[in-house]
Amino acid sequence: MPRVDVEPEELLRFAAELKAFNEQLRERTSRLRVGFKQIGRKMARPGTQKVRRGV
């Protein structure tokens, strides 16, 4: 298997950036889920019309 020389500081920086990215992704995914749930609740209410696209 090939080996790569990596500076420890560079590896730590990459790990920190990856962790921050994953945290942001989790947060944004959570926000999307909440938004979709709210839309679903609005669509499930009596008297709410579904949006139709096209002609």
C-alpha atoms as a PDB file:
ATOM      1  CA  MET A   1       0.000   0.000   0.000  1.00  0.00           C
ATOM      2  CA  PRO A   2       1.383   3.466  -0.853  1.00  0.00           C
ATOM      3  CA  ARG A   3       2.562   5.709   1.970  1.00  0.00           C
ATOM      4  CA  VAL A   4       2.249   9.464   2.142  1.00  0.00           C
ATOM      5  CA  ASP A   5       4.257  11.864   4.258  1.00  0.00           C
ATOM      6  CA  VAL A   6       1.929  14.301   5.986  1.00  0.00           C
ATOM      7  CA  GLU A   7       2.704  17.048   8.438  1.00  0.00           C
ATOM      8  CA  PRO A   8       0.900  16.397  11.761  1.00  0.00           C
ATOM      9  CA  GLU A   9      -0.344  20.009  11.893  1.00  0.00           C
ATOM     10  CA  GLU A  10      -1.803  19.691   8.418  1.00  0.00           C
ATOM     11  CA  LEU A  11      -3.557  16.461   9.365  1.00  0.00           C
ATOM     12  CA  LEU A  12      -4.975  18.038  12.536  1.00  0.00           C
ATOM     13  CA  ARG A  13      -6.184  21.062  10.555  1.00  0.00           C
ATOM     14  CA  PHE A  14      -7.879  18.779   8.016  1.00  0.00           C
ATOM     15  CA  ALA A  15      -9.544  16.778  10.800  1.00  0.00           C
ATOM     16  CA  ALA A  16     -10.829  19.982  12.426  1.00  0.00           C
ATOM     17  CA  GLU A  17     -12.205  21.266   9.107  1.00  0.00           C
ATOM     18  CA  LEU A  18     -13.877  17.915   8.439  1.00  0.00           C
ATOM     19  CA  LYS A  19     -15.467  17.936  11.895  1.00  0.00           C
ATOM     20  CA  ALA A  20     -16.774  21.483  11.373  1.00  0.00           C
ATOM     21  CA  PHE A  21     -18.140  20.531   7.952  1.00  0.00           C
ATOM     22  CA  ASN A  22     -19.958  17.509   9.401  1.00  0.00           C
ATOM     23  CA  GLU A  23     -21.463  19.633  12.185  1.00  0.00           C
ATOM     24  CA  GLN A  24     -22.695  22.217   9.667  1.00  0.00           C
ATOM     25  CA  LEU A  25     -24.135  19.471   7.482  1.00  0.00           C
ATOM     26  CA  ARG A  26     -26.001  17.944  10.438  1.00  0.00           C
ATOM     27  CA  GLU A  27     -27.397  21.345  11.441  1.00  0.00           C
ATOM     28  CA  ARG A  28     -28.542  22.234   7.931  1.00  0.00           C
ATOM     29  CA  THR A  29     -30.051  18.790   7.384  1.00  0.00           C
ATOM     30  CA  SER A  30     -31.964  19.184  10.634  1.00  0.00           C
ATOM     31  CA  ARG A  31     -33.303  22.565   9.499  1.00  0.00           C
ATOM     32  CA  LEU A  32     -34.447  21.062   6.214  1.00  0.00           C
ATOM     33  CA  ARG A  33     -36.244  18.234   8.009  1.00  0.00           C
ATOM     34  CA  VAL A  34     -38.050  20.712  10.247  1.00  0.00           C
ATOM     35  CA  GLY A  35     -39.051  22.758   7.213  1.00  0.00           C
ATOM     36  CA  PHE A  36     -40.361  19.709   5.362  1.00  0.00           C
ATOM     37  CA  LYS A  37     -42.333  18.610   8.434  1.00  0.00           C
ATOM     38  CA  GLN A  38     -43.923  22.067   8.647  1.00  0.00           C
ATOM     39  CA  ILE A  39     -44.864  21.923   4.975  1.00  0.00           C
ATOM     40  CA  GLY A  40     -46.301  18.446   5.495  1.00  0.00           C
ATOM     41  CA  ARG A  41     -48.432  19.625   8.398  1.00  0.00           C
ATOM     42  CA  LYS A  42     -49.758  22.552   6.351  1.00  0.00           C
ATOM     43  CA  MET A  43     -50.637  20.225   3.479  1.00  0.00           C
ATOM     44  CA  ALA A  44     -52.425  17.811   5.829  1.00  0.00           C
ATOM     45  CA  ARG A  45     -54.781  20.462   7.224  1.00  0.00           C
ATOM     46  CA  PRO A  46     -58.408  20.273   6.109  1.00  0.00           C
ATOM     47  CA  GLY A  47     -59.179  22.832   3.449  1.00  0.00           C
ATOM     48  CA  THR A  48     -55.580  23.091   2.299  1.00  0.00           C
ATOM     49  CA  GLN A  49     -55.243  22.704  -1.419  1.00  0.00           C
ATOM     50  CA  LYS A  50     -52.387  20.861  -2.999  1.00  0.00           C
ATOM     51  CA  VAL A  51     -50.260  22.806  -5.433  1.00  0.00           C
ATOM     52  CA  ARG A  52     -50.535  21.531  -8.992  1.00  0.00           C
ATOM     53  CA  ARG A  53     -47.867  22.195 -11.541  1.00  0.00           C
ATOM     54  CA  GLY A  54     -48.279  22.278 -15.258  1.00  0.00           C
ATOM     55  CA  VAL A  55     -51.260  22.987 -17.420  1.00  0.00           C
END
